[in-house]
Amino acid sequence: MDSQFAAFSGTDRVYKDEVFNGSNVAAIFGGVKLDLRHAKFEKDTVIKAFTLFGGIDIIVPDDVKVKLKSGFIFGGLSDDRKNVSEKGKYTIYIDAAGGFGGITITDKPEK
């Protein structure tokens, strides 16, 4: 499991044909983008995401299931996926929390 952290800054992590084994993601007064569209999955994985006065974007592939759990104060979790799959072989469990910030789950990058 790897970690992504941004404080008063931003960071992007793109998986290109790498095995994804989960991640701890935190953004405090900053932003993190985690792009999993080209990641390889060998098992179900967990993403623990926390934001405080920041934002996190998680871009997931179309062929995995996503299960969400969240708790926020003056913020929220947005599931903006267009292709919601329940037939994927593997599941990404996203445990999201924060305050005064937001986390977005999508299957398409911003233009």
PDB file of N, CA and C in Angstrom:
ATOM      1  N   MET A   1       0.850  -1.167   0.000  1.00  0.00           N
ATOM      2  CA  MET A   1       0.000   0.000   0.000  1.00  0.00           C
ATOM      3  C   MET A   1       0.898   1.234   0.000  1.00  0.00           C
ATOM      4  N   ASP A   2       0.617   2.176  -0.888  1.00  0.00           N
ATOM      5  CA  ASP A   2       1.417   3.385  -0.915  1.00  0.00           C
ATOM      6  C   ASP A   2       0.624   4.567  -0.371  1.00  0.00           C
ATOM      7  N   SER A   3       1.248   5.718  -0.308  1.00  0.00           N
ATOM      8  CA  SER A   3       0.617   6.905   0.259  1.00  0.00           C
ATOM      9  C   SER A   3       0.829   8.101  -0.648  1.00  0.00           C
ATOM     10  N   GLN A   4      -0.185   8.967  -0.676  1.00  0.00           N
ATOM     11  CA  GLN A   4      -0.114  10.233  -1.397  1.00  0.00           C
ATOM     12  C   GLN A   4      -0.523  11.317  -0.408  1.00  0.00           C
ATOM     13  N   PHE A   5       0.271  12.396  -0.314  1.00  0.00           N
ATOM     14  CA  PHE A   5      -0.005  13.447   0.643  1.00  0.00           C
ATOM     15  C   PHE A   5       0.286  14.803   0.018  1.00  0.00           C
ATOM     16  N   ALA A   6      -0.615  15.755   0.234  1.00  0.00           N
ATOM     17  CA  ALA A   6      -0.399  17.122  -0.237  1.00  0.00           C
ATOM     18  C   ALA A   6      -0.831  18.083   0.858  1.00  0.00           C
ATOM     19  N   ALA A   7       0.059  19.000   1.223  1.00  0.00           N
ATOM     20  CA  ALA A   7      -0.247  20.061   2.173  1.00  0.00           C
ATOM     21  C   ALA A   7       0.160  21.385   1.537  1.00  0.00           C
ATOM     22  N   PHE A   8      -0.810  22.276   1.377  1.00  0.00           N
ATOM     23  CA  PHE A   8      -0.558  23.562   0.743  1.00  0.00           C
ATOM     24  C   PHE A   8       0.074  23.393  -0.643  1.00  0.00           C
ATOM     25  N   SER A   9      -0.260  22.299  -1.316  1.00  0.00           N
ATOM     26  CA  SER A   9       0.289  22.018  -2.636  1.00  0.00           C
ATOM     27  C   SER A   9      -0.608  20.992  -3.331  1.00  0.00           C
ATOM     28  N   GLY A  10      -0.145  20.494  -4.451  1.00  0.00           N
ATOM     29  CA  GLY A  10      -0.886  19.480  -5.183  1.00  0.00           C
ATOM     30  C   GLY A  10       0.028  18.374  -5.651  1.00  0.00           C
ATOM     31  N   THR A  11      -0.549  17.198  -5.845  1.00  0.00           N
ATOM     32  CA  THR A  11       0.220  16.068  -6.357  1.00  0.00           C
ATOM     33  C   THR A  11      -0.676  15.190  -7.212  1.00  0.00           C
ATOM     34  N   ASP A  12      -0.097  14.624  -8.249  1.00  0.00           N
ATOM     35  CA  ASP A  12      -0.790  13.683  -9.131  1.00  0.00           C
ATOM     36  C   ASP A  12      -0.051  12.357  -9.084  1.00  0.00           C
ATOM     37  N   ARG A  13      -0.804  11.276  -8.990  1.00  0.00           N
ATOM     38  CA  ARG A  13      -0.200   9.937  -9.047  1.00  0.00           C
ATOM     39  C   ARG A  13      -0.951   9.150 -10.104  1.00  0.00           C
ATOM     40  N   VAL A  14      -0.244   8.764 -11.157  1.00  0.00           N
ATOM     41  CA  VAL A  14      -0.832   8.011 -12.263  1.00  0.00           C
ATOM     42  C   VAL A  14      -0.220   6.622 -12.276  1.00  0.00           C
ATOM     43  N   TYR A  15      -1.064   5.612 -12.248  1.00  0.00           N
ATOM     44  CA  TYR A  15      -0.599   4.226 -12.343  1.00  0.00           C
ATOM     45  C   TYR A  15      -0.655   3.800 -13.804  1.00  0.00           C
ATOM     46  N   LYS A  16       0.496   3.432 -14.361  1.00  0.00           N
ATOM     47  CA  LYS A  16       0.595   2.965 -15.751  1.00  0.00           C
ATOM     48  C   LYS A  16       1.086   1.532 -15.739  1.00  0.00           C
ATOM     49  N   ASP A  17       0.191   0.601 -15.922  1.00  0.00           N
ATOM     50  CA  ASP A  17       0.524  -0.830 -15.939  1.00  0.00           C
ATOM     51  C   ASP A  17       1.240  -1.277 -14.672  1.00  0.00           C
ATOM     52  N   GLU A  18       0.928  -0.651 -13.546  1.00  0.00           N
ATOM     53  CA  GLU A  18       1.473  -1.033 -12.250  1.00  0.00           C
ATOM     54  C   GLU A  18       0.373  -1.718 -11.441  1.00  0.00           C
ATOM     55  N   VAL A  19       0.758  -2.634 -10.587  1.00  0.00           N
ATOM     56  CA  VAL A  19      -0.208  -3.281  -9.705  1.00  0.00           C
ATOM     57  C   VAL A  19      -0.604  -2.296  -8.617  1.00  0.00           C
ATOM     58  N   PHE A  20      -1.906  -2.136  -8.414  1.00  0.00           N
ATOM     59  CA  PHE A  20      -2.413  -1.253  -7.367  1.00  0.00           C
ATOM     60  C   PHE A  20      -2.839  -2.103  -6.179  1.00  0.00           C
ATOM     61  N   ASN A  21      -2.203  -1.849  -5.018  1.00  0.00           N
ATOM     62  CA  ASN A  21      -2.498  -2.601  -3.797  1.00  0.00           C
ATOM     63  C   ASN A  21      -3.146  -1.745  -2.728  1.00  0.00           C
ATOM     64  N   GLY A  22      -3.729  -0.623  -3.108  1.00  0.00           N
ATOM     65  CA  GLY A  22      -4.376   0.262  -2.160  1.00  0.00           C
ATOM     66  C   GLY A  22      -3.521   1.474  -1.875  1.00  0.00           C
ATOM     67  N   SER A  23      -4.142   2.457  -1.182  1.00  0.00           N
ATOM     68  CA  SER A  23      -3.423   3.694  -0.919  1.00  0.00           C
ATOM     69  C   SER A  23      -4.051   4.438   0.244  1.00  0.00           C
ATOM     70  N   ASN A  24      -3.206   5.182   0.953  1.00  0.00           N
ATOM     71  CA  ASN A  24      -3.642   6.177   1.920  1.00  0.00           C
ATOM     72  C   ASN A  24      -3.440   7.522   1.247  1.00  0.00           C
ATOM     73  N   VAL A  25      -4.503   8.320   1.159  1.00  0.00           N
ATOM     74  CA  VAL A  25      -4.450   9.592   0.450  1.00  0.00           C
ATOM     75  C   VAL A  25      -4.910  10.694   1.402  1.00  0.00           C
ATOM     76  N   ALA A  26      -4.126  11.770   1.494  1.00  0.00           N
ATOM     77  CA  ALA A  26      -4.505  12.893   2.345  1.00  0.00           C
ATOM     78  C   ALA A  26      -4.204  14.208   1.644  1.00  0.00           C
ATOM     79  N   ALA A  27      -5.129  15.152   1.755  1.00  0.00           N
ATOM     80  CA  ALA A  27      -4.955  16.490   1.200  1.00  0.00           C
ATOM     81  C   ALA A  27      -5.377  17.503   2.262  1.00  0.00           C
ATOM     82  N   ILE A  28      -4.438  18.328   2.687  1.00  0.00           N
ATOM     83  CA  ILE A  28      -4.705  19.361   3.678  1.00  0.00           C
ATOM     84  C   ILE A  28      -4.323  20.698   3.053  1.00  0.00           C
ATOM     85  N   PHE A  29      -5.329  21.542   2.816  1.00  0.00           N
ATOM     86  CA  PHE A  29      -5.113  22.804   2.109  1.00  0.00           C
ATOM     87  C   PHE A  29      -4.400  22.554   0.785  1.00  0.00           C
ATOM     88  N   GLY A  30      -4.745  21.464   0.122  1.00  0.00           N
ATOM     89  CA  GLY A  30      -4.125  21.121  -1.153  1.00  0.00           C
ATOM     90  C   GLY A  30      -4.980  20.132  -1.904  1.00  0.00           C
ATOM     91  N   GLY A  31      -4.397  19.538  -2.926  1.00  0.00           N
ATOM     92  CA  GLY A  31      -5.143  18.603  -3.747  1.00  0.00           C
ATOM     93  C   GLY A  31      -4.323  17.405  -4.164  1.00  0.00           C
ATOM     94  N   VAL A  32      -5.014  16.275  -4.307  1.00  0.00           N
ATOM     95  CA  VAL A  32      -4.392  15.039  -4.782  1.00  0.00           C
ATOM     96  C   VAL A  32      -5.259  14.456  -5.885  1.00  0.00           C
ATOM     97  N   LYS A  33      -4.607  14.034  -6.970  1.00  0.00           N
ATOM     98  CA  LYS A  33      -5.300  13.293  -8.026  1.00  0.00           C
ATOM     99  C   LYS A  33      -4.676  11.907  -8.083  1.00  0.00           C
ATOM    100  N   LEU A  34      -5.513  10.879  -7.969  1.00  0.00           N
ATOM    101  CA  LEU A  34      -5.082   9.485  -8.029  1.00  0.00           C
ATOM    102  C   LEU A  34      -5.755   8.866  -9.252  1.00  0.00           C
ATOM    103  N   ASP A  35      -4.965   8.574 -10.295  1.00  0.00           N
ATOM    104  CA  ASP A  35      -5.492   8.060 -11.563  1.00  0.00           C
ATOM    105  C   ASP A  35      -5.203   6.568 -11.663  1.00  0.00           C
ATOM    106  N   LEU A  36      -6.265   5.768 -11.576  1.00  0.00           N
ATOM    107  CA  LEU A  36      -6.141   4.305 -11.589  1.00  0.00           C
ATOM    108  C   LEU A  36      -6.629   3.678 -12.890  1.00  0.00           C
ATOM    109  N   ARG A  37      -6.899   4.473 -13.917  1.00  0.00           N
ATOM    110  CA  ARG A  37      -7.487   3.934 -15.155  1.00  0.00           C
ATOM    111  C   ARG A  37      -6.637   2.860 -15.810  1.00  0.00           C
ATOM    112  N   HIS A  38      -5.313   2.939 -15.674  1.00  0.00           N
ATOM    113  CA  HIS A  38      -4.432   1.967 -16.314  1.00  0.00           C
ATOM    114  C   HIS A  38      -3.698   1.100 -15.306  1.00  0.00           C
ATOM    115  N   ALA A  39      -4.207   1.063 -14.081  1.00  0.00           N
ATOM    116  CA  ALA A  39      -3.603   0.221 -13.034  1.00  0.00           C
ATOM    117  C   ALA A  39      -4.011  -1.233 -13.236  1.00  0.00           C
ATOM    118  N   LYS A  40      -3.195  -2.129 -12.713  1.00  0.00           N
ATOM    119  CA  LYS A  40      -3.514  -3.559 -12.722  1.00  0.00           C
ATOM    120  C   LYS A  40      -4.015  -3.940 -11.340  1.00  0.00           C
ATOM    121  N   PHE A  41      -5.075  -4.727 -11.315  1.00  0.00           N
ATOM    122  CA  PHE A  41      -5.653  -5.183 -10.054  1.00  0.00           C
ATOM    123  C   PHE A  41      -5.497  -6.693  -9.952  1.00  0.00           C
ATOM    124  N   GLU A  42      -5.007  -7.146  -8.817  1.00  0.00           N
ATOM    125  CA  GLU A  42      -4.837  -8.577  -8.567  1.00  0.00           C
ATOM    126  C   GLU A  42      -5.718  -9.064  -7.425  1.00  0.00           C
ATOM    127  N   LYS A  43      -6.352  -8.117  -6.725  1.00  0.00           N
ATOM    128  CA  LYS A  43      -7.225  -8.452  -5.593  1.00  0.00           C
ATOM    129  C   LYS A  43      -8.056  -7.218  -5.265  1.00  0.00           C
ATOM    130  N   ASP A  44      -9.037  -7.380  -4.371  1.00  0.00           N
ATOM    131  CA  ASP A  44      -9.778  -6.239  -3.864  1.00  0.00           C
ATOM    132  C   ASP A  44      -8.819  -5.321  -3.120  1.00  0.00           C
ATOM    133  N   THR A  45      -9.052  -4.013  -3.201  1.00  0.00           N
ATOM    134  CA  THR A  45      -8.142  -3.057  -2.576  1.00  0.00           C
ATOM    135  C   THR A  45      -8.923  -2.013  -1.787  1.00  0.00           C
ATOM    136  N   VAL A  46      -8.200  -1.286  -0.939  1.00  0.00           N
ATOM    137  CA  VAL A  46      -8.788  -0.244  -0.093  1.00  0.00           C
ATOM    138  C   VAL A  46      -8.053   1.068  -0.329  1.00  0.00           C
ATOM    139  N   ILE A  47      -8.827   2.134  -0.449  1.00  0.00           N
ATOM    140  CA  ILE A  47      -8.277   3.489  -0.471  1.00  0.00           C
ATOM    141  C   ILE A  47      -8.848   4.211   0.738  1.00  0.00           C
ATOM    142  N   LYS A  48      -7.960   4.685   1.610  1.00  0.00           N
ATOM    143  CA  LYS A  48      -8.369   5.517   2.735  1.00  0.00           C
ATOM    144  C   LYS A  48      -8.031   6.948   2.363  1.00  0.00           C
ATOM    145  N   ALA A  49      -9.063   7.782   2.264  1.00  0.00           N
ATOM    146  CA  ALA A  49      -8.875   9.147   1.788  1.00  0.00           C
ATOM    147  C   ALA A  49      -9.371  10.147   2.840  1.00  0.00           C
ATOM    148  N   PHE A  50      -8.531  11.148   3.119  1.00  0.00           N
ATOM    149  CA  PHE A  50      -8.884  12.185   4.089  1.00  0.00           C
ATOM    150  C   PHE A  50      -8.527  13.549   3.517  1.00  0.00           C
ATOM    151  N   THR A  51      -9.443  14.492   3.642  1.00  0.00           N
ATOM    152  CA  THR A  51      -9.176  15.848   3.191  1.00  0.00           C
ATOM    153  C   THR A  51      -9.645  16.850   4.231  1.00  0.00           C
ATOM    154  N   LEU A  52      -8.849  17.906   4.401  1.00  0.00           N
ATOM    155  CA  LEU A  52      -9.193  19.002   5.293  1.00  0.00           C
ATOM    156  C   LEU A  52      -8.869  20.289   4.544  1.00  0.00           C
ATOM    157  N   PHE A  53      -9.908  21.060   4.202  1.00  0.00           N
ATOM    158  CA  PHE A  53      -9.741  22.270   3.403  1.00  0.00           C
ATOM    159  C   PHE A  53      -9.000  21.958   2.099  1.00  0.00           C
ATOM    160  N   GLY A  54      -9.299  20.813   1.498  1.00  0.00           N
ATOM    161  CA  GLY A  54      -8.638  20.415   0.259  1.00  0.00           C
ATOM    162  C   GLY A  54      -9.551  19.548  -0.576  1.00  0.00           C
ATOM    163  N   GLY A  55      -8.971  18.927  -1.586  1.00  0.00           N
ATOM    164  CA  GLY A  55      -9.751  18.078  -2.473  1.00  0.00           C
ATOM    165  C   GLY A  55      -8.953  16.893  -2.972  1.00  0.00           C
ATOM    166  N   ILE A  56      -9.670  15.817  -3.226  1.00  0.00           N
ATOM    167  CA  ILE A  56      -9.070  14.595  -3.760  1.00  0.00           C
ATOM    168  C   ILE A  56      -9.934  14.123  -4.922  1.00  0.00           C
ATOM    169  N   ASP A  57      -9.291  13.836  -6.052  1.00  0.00           N
ATOM    170  CA  ASP A  57      -9.959  13.240  -7.211  1.00  0.00           C
ATOM    171  C   ASP A  57      -9.403  11.837  -7.400  1.00  0.00           C
ATOM    172  N   ILE A  58     -10.297  10.857  -7.449  1.00  0.00           N
ATOM    173  CA  ILE A  58      -9.899   9.473  -7.687  1.00  0.00           C
ATOM    174  C   ILE A  58     -10.558   9.026  -8.980  1.00  0.00           C
ATOM    175  N   ILE A  59      -9.725   8.700  -9.974  1.00  0.00           N
ATOM    176  CA  ILE A  59     -10.227   8.266 -11.275  1.00  0.00           C
ATOM    177  C   ILE A  59     -10.082   6.750 -11.332  1.00  0.00           C
ATOM    178  N   VAL A  60     -11.220   6.055 -11.450  1.00  0.00           N
ATOM    179  CA  VAL A  60     -11.225   4.591 -11.403  1.00  0.00           C
ATOM    180  C   VAL A  60     -11.502   4.014 -12.790  1.00  0.00           C
ATOM    181  N   PRO A  61     -11.009   2.802 -13.063  1.00  0.00           N
ATOM    182  CA  PRO A  61     -11.309   2.162 -14.347  1.00  0.00           C
ATOM    183  C   PRO A  61     -12.763   1.697 -14.389  1.00  0.00           C
ATOM    184  N   ASP A  62     -13.242   1.450 -15.605  1.00  0.00           N
ATOM    185  CA  ASP A  62     -14.632   1.016 -15.795  1.00  0.00           C
ATOM    186  C   ASP A  62     -14.885  -0.417 -15.353  1.00  0.00           C
ATOM    187  N   ASP A  63     -13.834  -1.231 -15.249  1.00  0.00           N
ATOM    188  CA  ASP A  63     -14.032  -2.664 -15.035  1.00  0.00           C
ATOM    189  C   ASP A  63     -13.830  -3.114 -13.588  1.00  0.00           C
ATOM    190  N   VAL A  64     -13.969  -2.189 -12.637  1.00  0.00           N
ATOM    191  CA  VAL A  64     -13.920  -2.562 -11.221  1.00  0.00           C
ATOM    192  C   VAL A  64     -15.179  -2.056 -10.534  1.00  0.00           C
ATOM    193  N   LYS A  65     -15.553  -2.752  -9.474  1.00  0.00           N
ATOM    194  CA  LYS A  65     -16.654  -2.289  -8.638  1.00  0.00           C
ATOM    195  C   LYS A  65     -16.090  -1.310  -7.621  1.00  0.00           C
ATOM    196  N   VAL A  66     -16.908  -0.364  -7.197  1.00  0.00           N
ATOM    197  CA  VAL A  66     -16.485   0.614  -6.197  1.00  0.00           C
ATOM    198  C   VAL A  66     -17.536   0.641  -5.092  1.00  0.00           C
ATOM    199  N   LYS A  67     -17.080   0.496  -3.859  1.00  0.00           N
ATOM    200  CA  LYS A  67     -17.951   0.578  -2.688  1.00  0.00           C
ATOM    201  C   LYS A  67     -17.476   1.750  -1.846  1.00  0.00           C
ATOM    202  N   LEU A  68     -18.411   2.627  -1.449  1.00  0.00           N
ATOM    203  CA  LEU A  68     -18.062   3.862  -0.771  1.00  0.00           C
ATOM    204  C   LEU A  68     -18.560   3.883   0.668  1.00  0.00           C
ATOM    205  N   LYS A  69     -17.737   4.468   1.539  1.00  0.00           N
ATOM    206  CA  LYS A  69     -18.118   4.746   2.922  1.00  0.00           C
ATOM    207  C   LYS A  69     -17.553   6.121   3.231  1.00  0.00           C
ATOM    208  N   SER A  70     -18.365   7.004   3.836  1.00  0.00           N
ATOM    209  CA  SER A  70     -17.857   8.357   4.051  1.00  0.00           C
ATOM    210  C   SER A  70     -18.407   8.994   5.315  1.00  0.00           C
ATOM    211  N   GLY A  71     -17.648   9.982   5.801  1.00  0.00           N
ATOM    212  CA  GLY A  71     -18.053  10.813   6.916  1.00  0.00           C
ATOM    213  C   GLY A  71     -17.405  12.178   6.773  1.00  0.00           C
ATOM    214  N   PHE A  72     -18.207  13.234   6.668  1.00  0.00           N
ATOM    215  CA  PHE A  72     -17.687  14.579   6.417  1.00  0.00           C
ATOM    216  C   PHE A  72     -18.362  15.608   7.312  1.00  0.00           C
ATOM    217  N   ILE A  73     -17.638  16.690   7.572  1.00  0.00           N
ATOM    218  CA  ILE A  73     -18.178  17.877   8.216  1.00  0.00           C
ATOM    219  C   ILE A  73     -17.960  19.022   7.239  1.00  0.00           C
ATOM    220  N   PHE A  74     -19.016  19.643   6.778  1.00  0.00           N
ATOM    221  CA  PHE A  74     -18.928  20.738   5.817  1.00  0.00           C
ATOM    222  C   PHE A  74     -18.085  20.354   4.608  1.00  0.00           C
ATOM    223  N   GLY A  75     -18.413  19.268   4.006  1.00  0.00           N
ATOM    224  CA  GLY A  75     -17.744  18.779   2.806  1.00  0.00           C
ATOM    225  C   GLY A  75     -18.505  17.574   2.311  1.00  0.00           C
ATOM    226  N   GLY A  76     -17.910  16.818   1.421  1.00  0.00           N
ATOM    227  CA  GLY A  76     -18.632  15.651   0.962  1.00  0.00           C
ATOM    228  C   GLY A  76     -17.898  14.804  -0.043  1.00  0.00           C
ATOM    229  N   LEU A  77     -18.571  13.709  -0.366  1.00  0.00           N
ATOM    230  CA  LEU A  77     -18.089  12.737  -1.341  1.00  0.00           C
ATOM    231  C   LEU A  77     -19.034  12.757  -2.524  1.00  0.00           C
ATOM    232  N   SER A  78     -18.479  12.861  -3.726  1.00  0.00           N
ATOM    233  CA  SER A  78     -19.274  12.905  -4.944  1.00  0.00           C
ATOM    234  C   SER A  78     -18.885  11.737  -5.839  1.00  0.00           C
ATOM    235  N   ASP A  79     -19.858  10.919  -6.206  1.00  0.00           N
ATOM    236  CA  ASP A  79     -19.631   9.801  -7.115  1.00  0.00           C
ATOM    237  C   ASP A  79     -20.130  10.219  -8.490  1.00  0.00           C
ATOM    238  N   ASP A  80     -19.204  10.646  -9.352  1.00  0.00           N
ATOM    239  CA  ASP A  80     -19.545  11.165 -10.679  1.00  0.00           C
ATOM    240  C   ASP A  80     -19.272  10.164 -11.796  1.00  0.00           C
ATOM    241  N   ARG A  81     -19.217   8.879 -11.470  1.00  0.00           N
ATOM    242  CA  ARG A  81     -18.930   7.886 -12.509  1.00  0.00           C
ATOM    243  C   ARG A  81     -20.091   7.797 -13.494  1.00  0.00           C
ATOM    244  N   LYS A  82     -19.756   7.696 -14.760  1.00  0.00           N
ATOM    245  CA  LYS A  82     -20.761   7.523 -15.814  1.00  0.00           C
ATOM    246  C   LYS A  82     -21.058   6.047 -16.045  1.00  0.00           C
ATOM    247  N   ASN A  83     -20.035   5.198 -15.890  1.00  0.00           N
ATOM    248  CA  ASN A  83     -20.167   3.759 -16.130  1.00  0.00           C
ATOM    249  C   ASN A  83     -20.005   3.016 -14.807  1.00  0.00           C
ATOM    250  N   VAL A  84     -21.105   2.835 -14.106  1.00  0.00           N
ATOM    251  CA  VAL A  84     -21.055   2.152 -12.822  1.00  0.00           C
ATOM    252  C   VAL A  84     -21.150   0.647 -13.073  1.00  0.00           C
ATOM    253  N   SER A  85     -20.053  -0.057 -12.782  1.00  0.00           N
ATOM    254  CA  SER A  85     -19.989  -1.497 -13.037  1.00  0.00           C
ATOM    255  C   SER A  85     -20.224  -2.279 -11.756  1.00  0.00           C
ATOM    256  N   GLU A  86     -21.072  -3.267 -11.838  1.00  0.00           N
ATOM    257  CA  GLU A  86     -21.245  -4.220 -10.743  1.00  0.00           C
ATOM    258  C   GLU A  86     -20.772  -5.600 -11.177  1.00  0.00           C
ATOM    259  N   LYS A  87     -20.128  -5.663 -12.343  1.00  0.00           N
ATOM    260  CA  LYS A  87     -19.670  -6.933 -12.887  1.00  0.00           C
ATOM    261  C   LYS A  87     -18.164  -7.101 -12.823  1.00  0.00           C
ATOM    262  N   GLY A  88     -17.476  -6.145 -12.252  1.00  0.00           N
ATOM    263  CA  GLY A  88     -16.021  -6.220 -12.194  1.00  0.00           C
ATOM    264  C   GLY A  88     -15.542  -7.376 -11.334  1.00  0.00           C
ATOM    265  N   LYS A  89     -14.379  -7.870 -11.672  1.00  0.00           N
ATOM    266  CA  LYS A  89     -13.798  -8.980 -10.923  1.00  0.00           C
ATOM    267  C   LYS A  89     -13.321  -8.535  -9.550  1.00  0.00           C
ATOM    268  N   TYR A  90     -12.831  -7.289  -9.461  1.00  0.00           N
ATOM    269  CA  TYR A  90     -12.287  -6.772  -8.213  1.00  0.00           C
ATOM    270  C   TYR A  90     -13.065  -5.549  -7.748  1.00  0.00           C
ATOM    271  N   THR A  91     -12.956  -5.272  -6.449  1.00  0.00           N
ATOM    272  CA  THR A  91     -13.651  -4.141  -5.837  1.00  0.00           C
ATOM    273  C   THR A  91     -12.642  -3.205  -5.193  1.00  0.00           C
ATOM    274  N   ILE A  92     -12.867  -1.902  -5.386  1.00  0.00           N
ATOM    275  CA  ILE A  92     -12.114  -0.878  -4.667  1.00  0.00           C
ATOM    276  C   ILE A  92     -13.030  -0.370  -3.561  1.00  0.00           C
ATOM    277  N   TYR A  93     -12.600  -0.505  -2.323  1.00  0.00           N
ATOM    278  CA  TYR A  93     -13.335   0.016  -1.179  1.00  0.00           C
ATOM    279  C   TYR A  93     -12.738   1.370  -0.837  1.00  0.00           C
ATOM    280  N   ILE A  94     -13.566   2.418  -0.905  1.00  0.00           N
ATOM    281  CA  ILE A  94     -13.083   3.766  -0.619  1.00  0.00           C
ATOM    282  C   ILE A  94     -13.693   4.227   0.696  1.00  0.00           C
ATOM    283  N   ASP A  95     -12.818   4.466   1.662  1.00  0.00           N
ATOM    284  CA  ASP A  95     -13.191   4.958   2.983  1.00  0.00           C
ATOM    285  C   ASP A  95     -12.792   6.427   3.024  1.00  0.00           C
ATOM    286  N   ALA A  96     -13.772   7.331   2.893  1.00  0.00           N
ATOM    287  CA  ALA A  96     -13.494   8.747   2.715  1.00  0.00           C
ATOM    288  C   ALA A  96     -13.997   9.555   3.910  1.00  0.00           C
ATOM    289  N   ALA A  97     -13.187  10.531   4.332  1.00  0.00           N
ATOM    290  CA  ALA A  97     -13.572  11.395   5.441  1.00  0.00           C
ATOM    291  C   ALA A  97     -12.909  12.752   5.275  1.00  0.00           C
ATOM    292  N   GLY A  98     -13.458  13.736   5.977  1.00  0.00           N
ATOM    293  CA  GLY A  98     -12.825  15.040   5.937  1.00  0.00           C
ATOM    294  C   GLY A  98     -13.718  16.138   6.443  1.00  0.00           C
ATOM    295  N   GLY A  99     -13.195  17.336   6.311  1.00  0.00           N
ATOM    296  CA  GLY A  99     -13.923  18.524   6.708  1.00  0.00           C
ATOM    297  C   GLY A  99     -13.552  19.688   5.812  1.00  0.00           C
ATOM    298  N   PHE A 100     -14.560  20.474   5.450  1.00  0.00           N
ATOM    299  CA  PHE A 100     -14.346  21.665   4.636  1.00  0.00           C
ATOM    300  C   PHE A 100     -13.606  21.339   3.346  1.00  0.00           C
ATOM    301  N   GLY A 101     -13.875  20.179   2.780  1.00  0.00           N
ATOM    302  CA  GLY A 101     -13.244  19.762   1.526  1.00  0.00           C
ATOM    303  C   GLY A 101     -14.081  18.698   0.872  1.00  0.00           C
ATOM    304  N   GLY A 102     -13.595  18.174  -0.231  1.00  0.00           N
ATOM    305  CA  GLY A 102     -14.369  17.186  -0.945  1.00  0.00           C
ATOM    306  C   GLY A 102     -13.529  16.143  -1.644  1.00  0.00           C
ATOM    307  N   ILE A 103     -14.180  15.017  -1.902  1.00  0.00           N
ATOM    308  CA  ILE A 103     -13.563  13.912  -2.632  1.00  0.00           C
ATOM    309  C   ILE A 103     -14.493  13.537  -3.771  1.00  0.00           C
ATOM    310  N   THR A 104     -13.934  13.415  -4.968  1.00  0.00           N
ATOM    311  CA  THR A 104     -14.705  13.062  -6.151  1.00  0.00           C
ATOM    312  C   THR A 104     -14.205  11.745  -6.710  1.00  0.00           C
ATOM    313  N   ILE A 105     -15.144  10.848  -6.993  1.00  0.00           N
ATOM    314  CA  ILE A 105     -14.855   9.580  -7.655  1.00  0.00           C
ATOM    315  C   ILE A 105     -15.407   9.699  -9.074  1.00  0.00           C
ATOM    316  N   THR A 106     -14.555   9.444 -10.057  1.00  0.00           N
ATOM    317  CA  THR A 106     -14.984   9.553 -11.445  1.00  0.00           C
ATOM    318  C   THR A 106     -14.324   8.469 -12.281  1.00  0.00           C
ATOM    319  N   ASP A 107     -14.843   8.267 -13.483  1.00  0.00           N
ATOM    320  CA  ASP A 107     -14.206   7.327 -14.406  1.00  0.00           C
ATOM    321  C   ASP A 107     -13.655   8.052 -15.634  1.00  0.00           C
ATOM    322  N   LYS A 108     -13.748   9.362 -15.630  1.00  0.00           N
ATOM    323  CA  LYS A 108     -13.224  10.180 -16.733  1.00  0.00           C
ATOM    324  C   LYS A 108     -12.414  11.329 -16.158  1.00  0.00           C
ATOM    325  N   PRO A 109     -11.238  11.599 -16.723  1.00  0.00           N
ATOM    326  CA  PRO A 109     -10.433  12.728 -16.235  1.00  0.00           C
ATOM    327  C   PRO A 109     -11.051  14.053 -16.641  1.00  0.00           C
ATOM    328  N   GLU A 110     -10.668  15.123 -15.936  1.00  0.00           N
ATOM    329  CA  GLU A 110     -11.108  16.457 -16.308  1.00  0.00           C
ATOM    330  C   GLU A 110     -10.481  16.842 -17.634  1.00  0.00           C
ATOM    331  N   LYS A 111     -11.181  17.683 -18.364  1.00  0.00           N
ATOM    332  CA  LYS A 111     -10.619  18.161 -19.638  1.00  0.00           C
ATOM    333  C   LYS A 111      -9.982  19.502 -19.436  1.00  0.00           C
TER     334      LYS A 111
END
